[in-house]
Amino acid sequence: GPSNAKTITDHIAVLRPHAWVMLGHFAGLRNTQALGDYVLAHAYVREDHVLDDDLPVWVPIPQLAEIQVALQEAVAEVTGLSGYDLKRIMRTGTVA
C-alpha cells in the first residue's frame, strides 16, 4: 500500500537514481476500461495521507514527461497499436 511505497521510495532515493517507475493499482475502472488496460498517470493526487507531513495535499506529484513518452512508445511497439486503438488499452491522465 501507500506506506510501503513511501518506505521503498525512501530507500531508493539514497541511491540517487535518475528515475524509477512504481507500478501499482487503483480502486476502480471507468466504464470505458477493462481489466488488463494500462493506465499511465500524468500525476498522482494524494488522498492516502502518507506524504502529508512532507508535502501539502494540494500539491500533485508530477510524472516526468520523458518517462511517460518512453512508456507509451514501448506499449505501442510491443502491441503494434497506434492512435485510437492504443488509447483503448492505455489511458493517460491524473489518478485521483
Protein backbone atom coordinates (compact mmCIF):
# COMPACT_ATOMS: atom_id res chain seq x y z
CA GLY A 1 0.00 0.00 0.00
CA PRO A 2 0.95 3.68 0.16
CA SER A 3 3.00 3.28 3.34
CA ASN A 4 5.15 0.59 1.74
CA ALA A 5 5.54 2.72 -1.39
CA LYS A 6 6.86 5.60 0.72
CA THR A 7 9.28 3.29 2.55
CA ILE A 8 10.54 1.85 -0.73
CA THR A 9 10.91 5.36 -2.18
CA ASP A 10 12.89 6.50 0.86
CA HIS A 11 15.28 3.57 0.44
CA ILE A 12 15.67 4.01 -3.33
CA ALA A 13 16.18 7.78 -3.04
CA VAL A 14 19.54 7.40 -1.28
CA LEU A 15 20.86 5.67 -4.40
CA ARG A 16 20.14 8.88 -6.37
CA PRO A 17 18.70 7.19 -9.48
CA HIS A 18 17.82 9.35 -12.48
CA ALA A 19 14.27 7.96 -12.28
CA TRP A 20 12.28 4.95 -11.20
CA VAL A 21 8.89 3.59 -12.15
CA MET A 22 6.44 2.48 -9.49
CA LEU A 23 3.68 0.18 -10.65
CA GLY A 24 0.60 -0.22 -8.53
CA HIS A 25 -3.14 -0.49 -8.60
CA PHE A 26 -6.13 1.75 -8.10
CA ALA A 27 -9.61 1.24 -6.76
CA GLY A 28 -11.78 1.29 -9.85
CA LEU A 29 -12.26 1.19 -13.57
CA ARG A 30 -14.09 3.63 -15.80
CA ASN A 31 -16.83 2.16 -17.98
CA THR A 32 -14.50 2.60 -20.98
CA GLN A 33 -11.83 0.40 -19.38
CA ALA A 34 -11.44 -3.32 -18.91
CA LEU A 35 -9.30 -5.44 -16.66
CA GLY A 36 -5.80 -5.54 -18.12
CA ASP A 37 -5.88 -2.00 -19.53
CA TYR A 38 -2.77 0.00 -18.73
CA VAL A 39 -3.28 3.41 -17.09
CA LEU A 40 -0.34 5.82 -17.18
CA ALA A 41 -0.88 8.74 -14.82
CA HIS A 42 0.31 12.29 -15.51
CA ALA A 43 0.17 12.94 -11.77
CA TYR A 44 -0.98 11.38 -8.53
CA VAL A 45 -3.48 13.34 -6.44
CA ARG A 46 -2.93 12.03 -2.94
CA GLU A 47 -5.84 11.10 -0.72
CA ASP A 48 -3.97 8.45 1.26
CA HIS A 49 -2.29 10.99 3.62
CA VAL A 50 1.06 9.14 3.57
CA LEU A 51 3.06 12.17 2.39
CA ASP A 52 1.04 14.85 4.20
CA ASP A 53 3.88 15.64 6.61
CA ASP A 54 6.37 16.04 3.75
CA LEU A 55 4.28 17.66 1.01
CA PRO A 56 0.98 19.61 1.13
CA VAL A 57 -2.02 17.56 -0.02
CA TRP A 58 -2.93 20.07 -2.75
CA VAL A 59 0.45 19.63 -4.50
CA PRO A 60 0.25 16.95 -7.21
CA ILE A 61 3.26 14.73 -7.77
CA PRO A 62 4.05 15.07 -11.49
CA GLN A 63 5.43 12.35 -13.66
CA LEU A 64 8.40 13.09 -15.90
CA ALA A 65 7.16 13.62 -19.44
CA GLU A 66 10.14 11.76 -20.87
CA ILE A 67 9.25 8.62 -18.93
CA GLN A 68 5.60 8.84 -19.97
CA VAL A 69 6.54 9.22 -23.64
CA ALA A 70 9.01 6.32 -23.43
CA LEU A 71 6.44 4.04 -21.78
CA GLN A 72 3.75 4.99 -24.29
CA GLU A 73 6.13 4.33 -27.20
CA ALA A 74 7.13 0.98 -25.69
CA VAL A 75 3.48 -0.07 -25.32
CA ALA A 76 2.84 0.95 -28.93
CA GLU A 77 5.88 -1.01 -30.13
CA VAL A 78 5.05 -4.15 -28.17
CA THR A 79 1.35 -4.17 -29.04
CA GLY A 80 1.67 -2.87 -32.60
CA LEU A 81 -1.17 -0.45 -31.87
CA SER A 82 -1.40 3.26 -32.57
CA GLY A 83 -3.87 6.12 -32.41
CA TYR A 84 -7.30 5.27 -31.05
CA ASP A 85 -6.50 1.56 -30.78
CA LEU A 86 -3.60 2.36 -28.46
CA LYS A 87 -5.76 4.74 -26.40
CA ARG A 88 -8.35 1.96 -25.98
CA ILE A 89 -5.87 -0.06 -23.89
CA MET A 90 -3.75 2.72 -22.40
CA ARG A 91 -5.04 5.80 -20.61
CA THR A 92 -3.11 8.89 -19.59
CA GLY A 93 -4.28 11.43 -17.05
CA THR A 94 -4.35 12.16 -13.33
CA VAL A 95 -5.04 9.31 -10.94
CA ALA A 96 -7.17 10.59 -8.07
